[in-house]
Amino acid sequence: MLYTIQNDFLKADINTVGAELSSLSSKQTGTEYLWHGDPAWWAGRAPILFPIVCSLKDGVYTYNGVTYSMPKHGFVRGAEFTVALIQDGKIIFEYSDNEETRKMYPFSFLFQVTFELVDNQLIVIYRVINRSDVAIYFSIGAHEAYRCPREDGESFDDYYLEFETDDTYISETVTPAGLISGERYMVIEGDKTLPLKHELFANDALIIKDVPSSRVSLKSKKSRAVVEINYHDAPHLGIWTKVGAPYICIEPWYGLPDEVGHDGRIEDKLGIVSLGAGREFVWPHDIKIHEN
């Protein structure tokens, strides 16, 4: 089921399946900024990644000597969320552990996703509450896909990403199994601009571990509108599209794919978050639309 929130600047549609953002459009111009999920390319729009990000080695992990299987990016992207609160410009979705999740993930949790429109930005807040009597281990990530190109007469190559600071941006190399190989390569050296070309994604996503910027903007050389993503303290960033596809995914993450030599223990997983019993994890990221 779709729910809509709006203000004078923006309108957002969110699906109860996966608490997935399904549309983000301008009230001023009518422009749609989010990818529309054409299955000919990719049916996703903005799935939420929890309790893992990307791939597990051999599709499994172990905890307390027990082996569990979990699909890529976890299970909440296909889960039916309930609405905990809705008011002008704001909605909160909830999902908690159940018999099915505990077959894949043996922890008790409450996962809340808040969407709130404030002027020309959409604030998205992920909140994980540990209801277990032991520490829980998880990764969490956003996966919003943006139209690219967005305007008639533009091409994918007309777009570029501009980070907050000049720095060195290095990507991990991903194996065909979706694991981190240990090899790395330069994406940006001493600059903050990444021109978009489909060849960048011939070997899957760019994965920038310990990204040296907390904000990135999607810009075009031919049109004025800018999508600015502020991911605050998220330590890692994925950037992905299918070669030839008309979208770009900008994915801040607390978590990473398994390394090829990973021992399988969830406690040892690269980038894993450990959350103590009764504790909460809260992470906001913001999507701001500039049209002037």
C-alpha atoms as a PDB file:
ATOM      1  CA  MET A   1       0.000   0.000   0.000  1.00  0.00           C
ATOM      2  CA  LEU A   2       1.271   3.471  -0.861  1.00  0.00           C
ATOM      3  CA  TYR A   3       1.203   6.399   1.549  1.00  0.00           C
ATOM      4  CA  THR A   4       1.833   9.996   0.506  1.00  0.00           C
ATOM      5  CA  ILE A   5       3.354  12.872   2.445  1.00  0.00           C
ATOM      6  CA  GLN A   6       3.766  16.338   1.011  1.00  0.00           C
ATOM      7  CA  ASN A   7       4.474  19.968   1.732  1.00  0.00           C
ATOM      8  CA  ASP A   8       4.721  23.098  -0.405  1.00  0.00           C
ATOM      9  CA  PHE A   9       7.942  21.909  -2.044  1.00  0.00           C
ATOM     10  CA  LEU A  10       7.950  18.118  -2.338  1.00  0.00           C
ATOM     11  CA  LYS A  11       5.722  15.066  -2.499  1.00  0.00           C
ATOM     12  CA  ALA A  12       6.892  11.603  -1.463  1.00  0.00           C
ATOM     13  CA  ASP A  13       5.179   8.233  -1.892  1.00  0.00           C
ATOM     14  CA  ILE A  14       6.269   5.344   0.337  1.00  0.00           C
ATOM     15  CA  ASN A  15       5.273   1.692  -0.004  1.00  0.00           C
ATOM     16  CA  THR A  16       4.462  -0.372   3.085  1.00  0.00           C
ATOM     17  CA  VAL A  17       6.398  -3.213   1.425  1.00  0.00           C
ATOM     18  CA  GLY A  18       9.947  -2.603   2.561  1.00  0.00           C
ATOM     19  CA  ALA A  19       9.067   0.940   3.723  1.00  0.00           C
ATOM     20  CA  GLU A  20      10.464   1.753   0.287  1.00  0.00           C
ATOM     21  CA  LEU A  21      10.436   5.275  -1.067  1.00  0.00           C
ATOM     22  CA  SER A  22       8.587   4.963  -4.380  1.00  0.00           C
ATOM     23  CA  SER A  23       8.458   8.550  -5.618  1.00  0.00           C
ATOM     24  CA  LEU A  24      10.040  11.898  -4.781  1.00  0.00           C
ATOM     25  CA  SER A  25       8.760  14.747  -6.895  1.00  0.00           C
ATOM     26  CA  SER A  26       8.779  18.530  -6.930  1.00  0.00           C
ATOM     27  CA  LYS A  27       5.536  20.361  -6.155  1.00  0.00           C
ATOM     28  CA  GLN A  28       6.976  23.391  -7.941  1.00  0.00           C
ATOM     29  CA  THR A  29       7.886  21.831 -11.310  1.00  0.00           C
ATOM     30  CA  GLY A  30       6.337  18.364 -11.199  1.00  0.00           C
ATOM     31  CA  THR A  31       9.755  16.791 -11.835  1.00  0.00           C
ATOM     32  CA  GLU A  32      10.171  13.223 -10.611  1.00  0.00           C
ATOM     33  CA  TYR A  33      13.624  12.636  -9.125  1.00  0.00           C
ATOM     34  CA  LEU A  34      13.419   8.996  -8.127  1.00  0.00           C
ATOM     35  CA  TRP A  35      13.888   6.055 -10.507  1.00  0.00           C
ATOM     36  CA  HIS A  36      10.492   4.537 -11.396  1.00  0.00           C
ATOM     37  CA  GLY A  37      11.454   0.871 -11.072  1.00  0.00           C
ATOM     38  CA  ASP A  38      11.171  -0.317 -14.675  1.00  0.00           C
ATOM     39  CA  PRO A  39      11.843  -4.082 -14.377  1.00  0.00           C
ATOM     40  CA  ALA A  40      13.446  -4.082 -17.814  1.00  0.00           C
ATOM     41  CA  TRP A  41      16.421  -2.556 -15.996  1.00  0.00           C
ATOM     42  CA  TRP A  42      15.831  -2.938 -12.264  1.00  0.00           C
ATOM     43  CA  ALA A  43      12.542  -3.191 -10.387  1.00  0.00           C
ATOM     44  CA  GLY A  44      13.883  -1.575  -7.227  1.00  0.00           C
ATOM     45  CA  ARG A  45      13.504   2.097  -6.427  1.00  0.00           C
ATOM     46  CA  ALA A  46      14.964   2.672  -2.974  1.00  0.00           C
ATOM     47  CA  PRO A  47      15.154  -0.587  -1.001  1.00  0.00           C
ATOM     48  CA  ILE A  48      16.337  -0.530   2.594  1.00  0.00           C
ATOM     49  CA  LEU A  49      19.213  -2.900   3.355  1.00  0.00           C
ATOM     50  CA  PHE A  50      18.969  -4.705   6.722  1.00  0.00           C
ATOM     51  CA  PRO A  51      20.325  -6.642   8.566  1.00  0.00           C
ATOM     52  CA  ILE A  52      23.119  -7.090   6.015  1.00  0.00           C
ATOM     53  CA  VAL A  53      24.466  -4.960   3.186  1.00  0.00           C
ATOM     54  CA  CYS A  54      25.403  -6.651  -0.093  1.00  0.00           C
ATOM     55  CA  SER A  55      26.520 -10.285  -0.151  1.00  0.00           C
ATOM     56  CA  LEU A  56      27.430 -12.915   2.420  1.00  0.00           C
ATOM     57  CA  LYS A  57      30.197 -15.358   1.579  1.00  0.00           C
ATOM     58  CA  ASP A  58      28.413 -18.453   0.229  1.00  0.00           C
ATOM     59  CA  GLY A  59      25.125 -16.798   1.274  1.00  0.00           C
ATOM     60  CA  VAL A  60      25.561 -17.796   4.936  1.00  0.00           C
ATOM     61  CA  TYR A  61      26.966 -16.651   8.272  1.00  0.00           C
ATOM     62  CA  THR A  62      27.389 -18.238  11.693  1.00  0.00           C
ATOM     63  CA  TYR A  63      26.381 -17.133  15.176  1.00  0.00           C
ATOM     64  CA  ASN A  64      27.024 -19.171  18.324  1.00  0.00           C
ATOM     65  CA  GLY A  65      28.042 -22.097  16.126  1.00  0.00           C
ATOM     66  CA  VAL A  66      24.769 -22.119  14.144  1.00  0.00           C
ATOM     67  CA  THR A  67      24.728 -21.430  10.403  1.00  0.00           C
ATOM     68  CA  TYR A  68      22.073 -19.114   8.962  1.00  0.00           C
ATOM     69  CA  SER A  69      21.222 -18.243   5.350  1.00  0.00           C
ATOM     70  CA  MET A  70      20.143 -14.794   4.262  1.00  0.00           C
ATOM     71  CA  PRO A  71      19.542 -13.230   0.831  1.00  0.00           C
ATOM     72  CA  LYS A  72      21.638 -10.391  -0.515  1.00  0.00           C
ATOM     73  CA  HIS A  73      20.873  -7.092   1.263  1.00  0.00           C
ATOM     74  CA  GLY A  74      18.843  -8.837   3.965  1.00  0.00           C
ATOM     75  CA  PHE A  75      15.120  -9.379   4.345  1.00  0.00           C
ATOM     76  CA  VAL A  76      13.365  -6.087   5.196  1.00  0.00           C
ATOM     77  CA  ARG A  77      13.152  -4.936   1.582  1.00  0.00           C
ATOM     78  CA  GLY A  78      10.395  -7.511   1.024  1.00  0.00           C
ATOM     79  CA  ALA A  79       8.737  -7.179   4.426  1.00  0.00           C
ATOM     80  CA  GLU A  80       5.329  -5.633   5.082  1.00  0.00           C
ATOM     81  CA  PHE A  81       5.730  -2.708   7.463  1.00  0.00           C
ATOM     82  CA  THR A  82       2.982  -1.194   9.612  1.00  0.00           C
ATOM     83  CA  VAL A  83       2.322   2.529   9.987  1.00  0.00           C
ATOM     84  CA  ALA A  84       3.049   3.711  13.531  1.00  0.00           C
ATOM     85  CA  LEU A  85       2.372   7.413  12.965  1.00  0.00           C
ATOM     86  CA  ILE A  86       1.219   9.682  10.166  1.00  0.00           C
ATOM     87  CA  GLN A  87       0.795  13.437  10.262  1.00  0.00           C
ATOM     88  CA  ASP A  88       1.356  16.394   7.959  1.00  0.00           C
ATOM     89  CA  GLY A  89       4.617  15.812   6.125  1.00  0.00           C
ATOM     90  CA  LYS A  90       5.720  12.889   8.310  1.00  0.00           C
ATOM     91  CA  ILE A  91       5.192   9.129   8.513  1.00  0.00           C
ATOM     92  CA  ILE A  92       6.802   6.378  10.616  1.00  0.00           C
ATOM     93  CA  PHE A  93       6.884   2.707   9.593  1.00  0.00           C
ATOM     94  CA  GLU A  94       7.699  -0.249  11.867  1.00  0.00           C
ATOM     95  CA  TYR A  95       8.771  -3.853  11.468  1.00  0.00           C
ATOM     96  CA  SER A  96       9.816  -6.321  14.162  1.00  0.00           C
ATOM     97  CA  ASP A  97      11.261  -9.798  14.345  1.00  0.00           C
ATOM     98  CA  ASN A  98       8.953 -12.759  13.911  1.00  0.00           C
ATOM     99  CA  GLU A  99       9.070 -16.497  13.380  1.00  0.00           C
ATOM    100  CA  GLU A 100      10.248 -16.149   9.776  1.00  0.00           C
ATOM    101  CA  THR A 101      12.983 -13.591  10.474  1.00  0.00           C
ATOM    102  CA  ARG A 102      14.372 -15.666  13.347  1.00  0.00           C
ATOM    103  CA  LYS A 103      15.045 -18.512  10.894  1.00  0.00           C
ATOM    104  CA  MET A 104      17.505 -16.141   9.174  1.00  0.00           C
ATOM    105  CA  TYR A 105      18.463 -13.804  12.015  1.00  0.00           C
ATOM    106  CA  PRO A 106      18.220 -15.026  15.629  1.00  0.00           C
ATOM    107  CA  PHE A 107      17.748 -11.639  17.289  1.00  0.00           C
ATOM    108  CA  SER A 108      14.798  -9.650  18.622  1.00  0.00           C
ATOM    109  CA  PHE A 109      14.526  -6.118  17.257  1.00  0.00           C
ATOM    110  CA  LEU A 110      12.214  -3.276  16.310  1.00  0.00           C
ATOM    111  CA  PHE A 111      13.083  -1.425  13.104  1.00  0.00           C
ATOM    112  CA  GLN A 112      11.547   2.005  12.536  1.00  0.00           C
ATOM    113  CA  VAL A 113      11.817   4.134   9.399  1.00  0.00           C
ATOM    114  CA  THR A 114      10.767   7.788   9.531  1.00  0.00           C
ATOM    115  CA  PHE A 115      10.170   9.942   6.458  1.00  0.00           C
ATOM    116  CA  GLU A 116       9.708  13.656   7.055  1.00  0.00           C
ATOM    117  CA  LEU A 117       9.517  16.553   4.615  1.00  0.00           C
ATOM    118  CA  VAL A 118      11.083  19.813   5.789  1.00  0.00           C
ATOM    119  CA  ASP A 119      11.034  22.535   3.142  1.00  0.00           C
ATOM    120  CA  ASN A 120      12.941  21.174   0.120  1.00  0.00           C
ATOM    121  CA  GLN A 121      14.390  18.093   1.792  1.00  0.00           C
ATOM    122  CA  LEU A 122      13.276  14.603   2.708  1.00  0.00           C
ATOM    123  CA  ILE A 123      14.729  13.431   6.002  1.00  0.00           C
ATOM    124  CA  VAL A 124      14.939   9.647   6.342  1.00  0.00           C
ATOM    125  CA  ILE A 125      15.724   8.194   9.784  1.00  0.00           C
ATOM    126  CA  TYR A 126      16.525   4.537  10.465  1.00  0.00           C
ATOM    127  CA  ARG A 127      16.115   3.415  14.077  1.00  0.00           C
ATOM    128  CA  VAL A 128      17.070  -0.074  15.280  1.00  0.00           C
ATOM    129  CA  ILE A 129      16.017  -1.044  18.813  1.00  0.00           C
ATOM    130  CA  ASN A 130      17.629  -4.119  20.325  1.00  0.00           C
ATOM    131  CA  ARG A 131      14.964  -6.133  22.134  1.00  0.00           C
ATOM    132  CA  SER A 132      17.314  -9.051  22.781  1.00  0.00           C
ATOM    133  CA  ASP A 133      19.089  -9.665  26.078  1.00  0.00           C
ATOM    134  CA  VAL A 134      22.413  -9.900  24.225  1.00  0.00           C
ATOM    135  CA  ALA A 135      24.208  -7.681  21.729  1.00  0.00           C
ATOM    136  CA  ILE A 136      22.868  -7.888  18.195  1.00  0.00           C
ATOM    137  CA  TYR A 137      24.953  -7.590  15.033  1.00  0.00           C
ATOM    138  CA  PHE A 138      23.729  -5.909  11.874  1.00  0.00           C
ATOM    139  CA  SER A 139      24.531  -3.789   8.868  1.00  0.00           C
ATOM    140  CA  ILE A 140      22.164  -1.191   7.456  1.00  0.00           C
ATOM    141  CA  GLY A 141      22.099   0.854   4.288  1.00  0.00           C
ATOM    142  CA  ALA A 142      20.105   3.043   1.937  1.00  0.00           C
ATOM    143  CA  HIS A 143      19.775   2.258  -1.774  1.00  0.00           C
ATOM    144  CA  GLU A 144      17.932   5.201  -3.378  1.00  0.00           C
ATOM    145  CA  ALA A 145      18.038   5.241  -7.179  1.00  0.00           C
ATOM    146  CA  TYR A 146      17.736   8.572  -8.998  1.00  0.00           C
ATOM    147  CA  ARG A 147      16.721   9.228 -12.572  1.00  0.00           C
ATOM    148  CA  CYS A 148      19.834   9.838 -14.640  1.00  0.00           C
ATOM    149  CA  PRO A 149      19.300  11.353 -17.138  1.00  0.00           C
ATOM    150  CA  ARG A 150      16.309  13.297 -15.904  1.00  0.00           C
ATOM    151  CA  GLU A 151      15.572  15.828 -18.656  1.00  0.00           C
ATOM    152  CA  ASP A 152      14.907  15.482 -22.389  1.00  0.00           C
ATOM    153  CA  GLY A 153      18.064  15.995 -24.407  1.00  0.00           C
ATOM    154  CA  GLU A 154      20.368  14.795 -21.628  1.00  0.00           C
ATOM    155  CA  SER A 155      22.471  11.641 -21.427  1.00  0.00           C
ATOM    156  CA  PHE A 156      23.934   9.692 -18.505  1.00  0.00           C
ATOM    157  CA  ASP A 157      27.345  11.143 -19.362  1.00  0.00           C
ATOM    158  CA  ASP A 158      26.048  14.687 -18.803  1.00  0.00           C
ATOM    159  CA  TYR A 159      25.847  13.950 -15.070  1.00  0.00           C
ATOM    160  CA  TYR A 160      28.484  13.965 -12.378  1.00  0.00           C
ATOM    161  CA  LEU A 161      28.812  13.504  -8.637  1.00  0.00           C
ATOM    162  CA  GLU A 162      30.306  16.283  -6.571  1.00  0.00           C
ATOM    163  CA  PHE A 163      31.513  15.450  -3.075  1.00  0.00           C
ATOM    164  CA  GLU A 164      31.833  17.868  -0.197  1.00  0.00           C
ATOM    165  CA  THR A 165      35.625  17.959  -0.145  1.00  0.00           C
ATOM    166  CA  ASP A 166      38.615  17.484  -2.422  1.00  0.00           C
ATOM    167  CA  ASP A 167      40.253  14.228  -1.386  1.00  0.00           C
ATOM    168  CA  THR A 168      41.284  10.758  -2.510  1.00  0.00           C
ATOM    169  CA  TYR A 169      38.364   8.397  -3.159  1.00  0.00           C
ATOM    170  CA  ILE A 170      39.273   4.722  -3.550  1.00  0.00           C
ATOM    171  CA  SER A 171      36.950   1.840  -4.452  1.00  0.00           C
ATOM    172  CA  GLU A 172      37.135  -1.754  -3.335  1.00  0.00           C
ATOM    173  CA  THR A 173      37.135  -4.336  -6.115  1.00  0.00           C
ATOM    174  CA  VAL A 174      34.169  -6.715  -6.056  1.00  0.00           C
ATOM    175  CA  THR A 175      34.414 -10.339  -7.188  1.00  0.00           C
ATOM    176  CA  PRO A 176      31.752 -11.991  -9.416  1.00  0.00           C
ATOM    177  CA  ALA A 177      30.306 -13.439  -6.181  1.00  0.00           C
ATOM    178  CA  GLY A 178      29.847  -9.927  -4.792  1.00  0.00           C
ATOM    179  CA  LEU A 179      32.661 -10.154  -2.238  1.00  0.00           C
ATOM    180  CA  ILE A 180      35.473  -7.705  -1.502  1.00  0.00           C
ATOM    181  CA  SER A 181      38.611  -9.078  -3.113  1.00  0.00           C
ATOM    182  CA  GLY A 182      41.183  -6.986  -1.254  1.00  0.00           C
ATOM    183  CA  GLU A 183      42.233  -5.117  -4.386  1.00  0.00           C
ATOM    184  CA  ARG A 184      41.478  -1.396  -4.634  1.00  0.00           C
ATOM    185  CA  TYR A 185      41.577   1.254  -7.331  1.00  0.00           C
ATOM    186  CA  MET A 186      41.513   5.042  -7.555  1.00  0.00           C
ATOM    187  CA  VAL A 187      38.186   6.722  -8.302  1.00  0.00           C
ATOM    188  CA  ILE A 188      39.093  10.363  -7.600  1.00  0.00           C
ATOM    189  CA  GLU A 189      42.532  11.711  -6.737  1.00  0.00           C
ATOM    190  CA  GLY A 190      42.822  15.140  -5.103  1.00  0.00           C
ATOM    191  CA  ASP A 191      39.440  16.327  -6.349  1.00  0.00           C
ATOM    192  CA  LYS A 192      35.761  16.099  -5.466  1.00  0.00           C
ATOM    193  CA  THR A 193      34.123  15.510  -8.860  1.00  0.00           C
ATOM    194  CA  LEU A 194      33.299  12.151 -10.430  1.00  0.00           C
ATOM    195  CA  PRO A 195      32.032  12.307 -14.035  1.00  0.00           C
ATOM    196  CA  LEU A 196      29.492   9.530 -14.568  1.00  0.00           C
ATOM    197  CA  LYS A 197      30.170   6.985 -17.288  1.00  0.00           C
ATOM    198  CA  HIS A 198      28.653   3.547 -17.571  1.00  0.00           C
ATOM    199  CA  GLU A 199      32.113   2.010 -17.941  1.00  0.00           C
ATOM    200  CA  LEU A 200      32.688   2.792 -14.253  1.00  0.00           C
ATOM    201  CA  PHE A 201      30.199   0.053 -13.374  1.00  0.00           C
ATOM    202  CA  ALA A 202      31.357  -2.703 -15.721  1.00  0.00           C
ATOM    203  CA  ASN A 203      32.658  -4.579 -12.664  1.00  0.00           C
ATOM    204  CA  ASP A 204      29.614  -3.873 -10.457  1.00  0.00           C
ATOM    205  CA  ALA A 205      29.350  -1.096  -7.859  1.00  0.00           C
ATOM    206  CA  LEU A 206      31.906   1.396  -6.683  1.00  0.00           C
ATOM    207  CA  ILE A 207      32.386   0.729  -2.965  1.00  0.00           C
ATOM    208  CA  ILE A 208      34.160   3.541  -1.152  1.00  0.00           C
ATOM    209  CA  LYS A 209      35.156   2.303   2.285  1.00  0.00           C
ATOM    210  CA  ASP A 210      35.651   5.059   4.883  1.00  0.00           C
ATOM    211  CA  VAL A 211      34.419   7.683   2.444  1.00  0.00           C
ATOM    212  CA  PRO A 212      36.118  11.031   3.209  1.00  0.00           C
ATOM    213  CA  SER A 213      32.966  13.113   2.753  1.00  0.00           C
ATOM    214  CA  SER A 214      29.550  13.180   4.399  1.00  0.00           C
ATOM    215  CA  ARG A 215      27.697  14.729   1.468  1.00  0.00           C
ATOM    216  CA  VAL A 216      27.468  14.237  -2.291  1.00  0.00           C
ATOM    217  CA  SER A 217      25.412  15.964  -4.981  1.00  0.00           C
ATOM    218  CA  LEU A 218      24.096  14.644  -8.287  1.00  0.00           C
ATOM    219  CA  LYS A 219      24.491  17.381 -10.900  1.00  0.00           C
ATOM    220  CA  SER A 220      24.044  17.812 -14.636  1.00  0.00           C
ATOM    221  CA  LYS A 221      26.062  19.881 -17.084  1.00  0.00           C
ATOM    222  CA  LYS A 222      22.846  20.716 -18.968  1.00  0.00           C
ATOM    223  CA  SER A 223      20.181  21.388 -16.319  1.00  0.00           C
ATOM    224  CA  ARG A 224      20.117  23.305 -13.053  1.00  0.00           C
ATOM    225  CA  ALA A 225      18.358  20.982 -10.601  1.00  0.00           C
ATOM    226  CA  VAL A 226      20.593  19.289  -8.030  1.00  0.00           C
ATOM    227  CA  VAL A 227      19.948  16.297  -5.770  1.00  0.00           C
ATOM    228  CA  GLU A 228      22.038  16.622  -2.608  1.00  0.00           C
ATOM    229  CA  ILE A 229      22.443  13.621  -0.311  1.00  0.00           C
ATOM    230  CA  ASN A 230      23.756  14.198   3.196  1.00  0.00           C
ATOM    231  CA  TYR A 231      24.547  10.866   4.829  1.00  0.00           C
ATOM    232  CA  HIS A 232      26.065  12.321   8.010  1.00  0.00           C
ATOM    233  CA  ASP A 233      28.217   9.759   9.830  1.00  0.00           C
ATOM    234  CA  ALA A 234      27.654   6.759   7.550  1.00  0.00           C
ATOM    235  CA  PRO A 235      31.188   5.437   6.994  1.00  0.00           C
ATOM    236  CA  HIS A 236      30.850   3.805   3.562  1.00  0.00           C
ATOM    237  CA  LEU A 237      29.298   4.662   0.214  1.00  0.00           C
ATOM    238  CA  GLY A 238      28.141   2.485  -2.650  1.00  0.00           C
ATOM    239  CA  ILE A 239      27.500   3.927  -6.122  1.00  0.00           C
ATOM    240  CA  TRP A 240      25.851   1.659  -8.662  1.00  0.00           C
ATOM    241  CA  THR A 241      23.928   1.290 -11.881  1.00  0.00           C
ATOM    242  CA  LYS A 242      23.530  -1.391 -14.514  1.00  0.00           C
ATOM    243  CA  VAL A 243      25.553  -0.604 -17.609  1.00  0.00           C
ATOM    244  CA  GLY A 244      23.279   1.326 -19.973  1.00  0.00           C
ATOM    245  CA  ALA A 245      20.536   1.953 -17.396  1.00  0.00           C
ATOM    246  CA  PRO A 246      18.998   5.433 -16.912  1.00  0.00           C
ATOM    247  CA  TYR A 247      19.487   5.705 -13.155  1.00  0.00           C
ATOM    248  CA  ILE A 248      22.229   6.033 -10.557  1.00  0.00           C
ATOM    249  CA  CYS A 249      22.069   4.595  -7.044  1.00  0.00           C
ATOM    250  CA  ILE A 250      23.748   6.568  -4.268  1.00  0.00           C
ATOM    251  CA  GLU A 251      23.970   4.264  -1.260  1.00  0.00           C
ATOM    252  CA  PRO A 252      25.325   5.292   2.147  1.00  0.00           C
ATOM    253  CA  TRP A 253      26.008   2.251   4.303  1.00  0.00           C
ATOM    254  CA  TYR A 254      26.861   1.089   7.785  1.00  0.00           C
ATOM    255  CA  GLY A 255      28.250  -2.202   6.512  1.00  0.00           C
ATOM    256  CA  LEU A 256      30.048  -3.822   3.598  1.00  0.00           C
ATOM    257  CA  PRO A 257      30.080  -7.070   1.589  1.00  0.00           C
ATOM    258  CA  ASP A 258      31.979  -9.980   3.064  1.00  0.00           C
ATOM    259  CA  GLU A 259      35.644 -10.271   2.237  1.00  0.00           C
ATOM    260  CA  VAL A 260      36.775 -13.311   0.258  1.00  0.00           C
ATOM    261  CA  GLY A 261      38.654 -14.616   3.307  1.00  0.00           C
ATOM    262  CA  HIS A 262      35.884 -13.991   5.846  1.00  0.00           C
ATOM    263  CA  ASP A 263      35.546 -16.703   8.513  1.00  0.00           C
ATOM    264  CA  GLY A 264      31.732 -16.543   8.391  1.00  0.00           C
ATOM    265  CA  ARG A 265      31.169 -15.349  11.955  1.00  0.00           C
ATOM    266  CA  ILE A 266      28.757 -12.414  11.998  1.00  0.00           C
ATOM    267  CA  GLU A 267      30.746 -10.846  14.834  1.00  0.00           C
ATOM    268  CA  ASP A 268      33.770 -10.664  12.517  1.00  0.00           C
ATOM    269  CA  LYS A 269      31.908  -9.359   9.464  1.00  0.00           C
ATOM    270  CA  LEU A 270      33.487  -6.313   7.830  1.00  0.00           C
ATOM    271  CA  GLY A 271      31.746  -3.106   8.897  1.00  0.00           C
ATOM    272  CA  ILE A 272      29.309  -4.840  11.253  1.00  0.00           C
ATOM    273  CA  VAL A 273      27.486  -2.800  13.910  1.00  0.00           C
ATOM    274  CA  SER A 274      27.271  -4.243  17.437  1.00  0.00           C
ATOM    275  CA  LEU A 275      24.344  -2.932  19.475  1.00  0.00           C
ATOM    276  CA  GLY A 276      24.069  -3.769  23.158  1.00  0.00           C
ATOM    277  CA  ALA A 277      20.982  -5.202  24.837  1.00  0.00           C
ATOM    278  CA  GLY A 278      18.235  -2.599  25.152  1.00  0.00           C
ATOM    279  CA  ARG A 279      20.187  -0.023  23.132  1.00  0.00           C
ATOM    280  CA  GLU A 280      19.086   2.000  20.106  1.00  0.00           C
ATOM    281  CA  PHE A 281      20.884   2.831  16.868  1.00  0.00           C
ATOM    282  CA  VAL A 282      19.684   5.961  15.069  1.00  0.00           C
ATOM    283  CA  TRP A 283      20.942   7.170  11.689  1.00  0.00           C
ATOM    284  CA  PRO A 284      19.450   9.970   9.563  1.00  0.00           C
ATOM    285  CA  HIS A 285      20.206  10.767   5.950  1.00  0.00           C
ATOM    286  CA  ASP A 286      18.727  13.654   4.005  1.00  0.00           C
ATOM    287  CA  ILE A 287      17.784  14.140   0.361  1.00  0.00           C
ATOM    288  CA  LYS A 288      17.599  17.794  -0.598  1.00  0.00           C
ATOM    289  CA  ILE A 289      16.293  19.046  -3.954  1.00  0.00           C
ATOM    290  CA  HIS A 290      17.648  22.338  -5.313  1.00  0.00           C
ATOM    291  CA  GLU A 291      15.762  23.696  -8.336  1.00  0.00           C
ATOM    292  CA  ASN A 292      16.953  27.335  -8.413  1.00  0.00           C
END
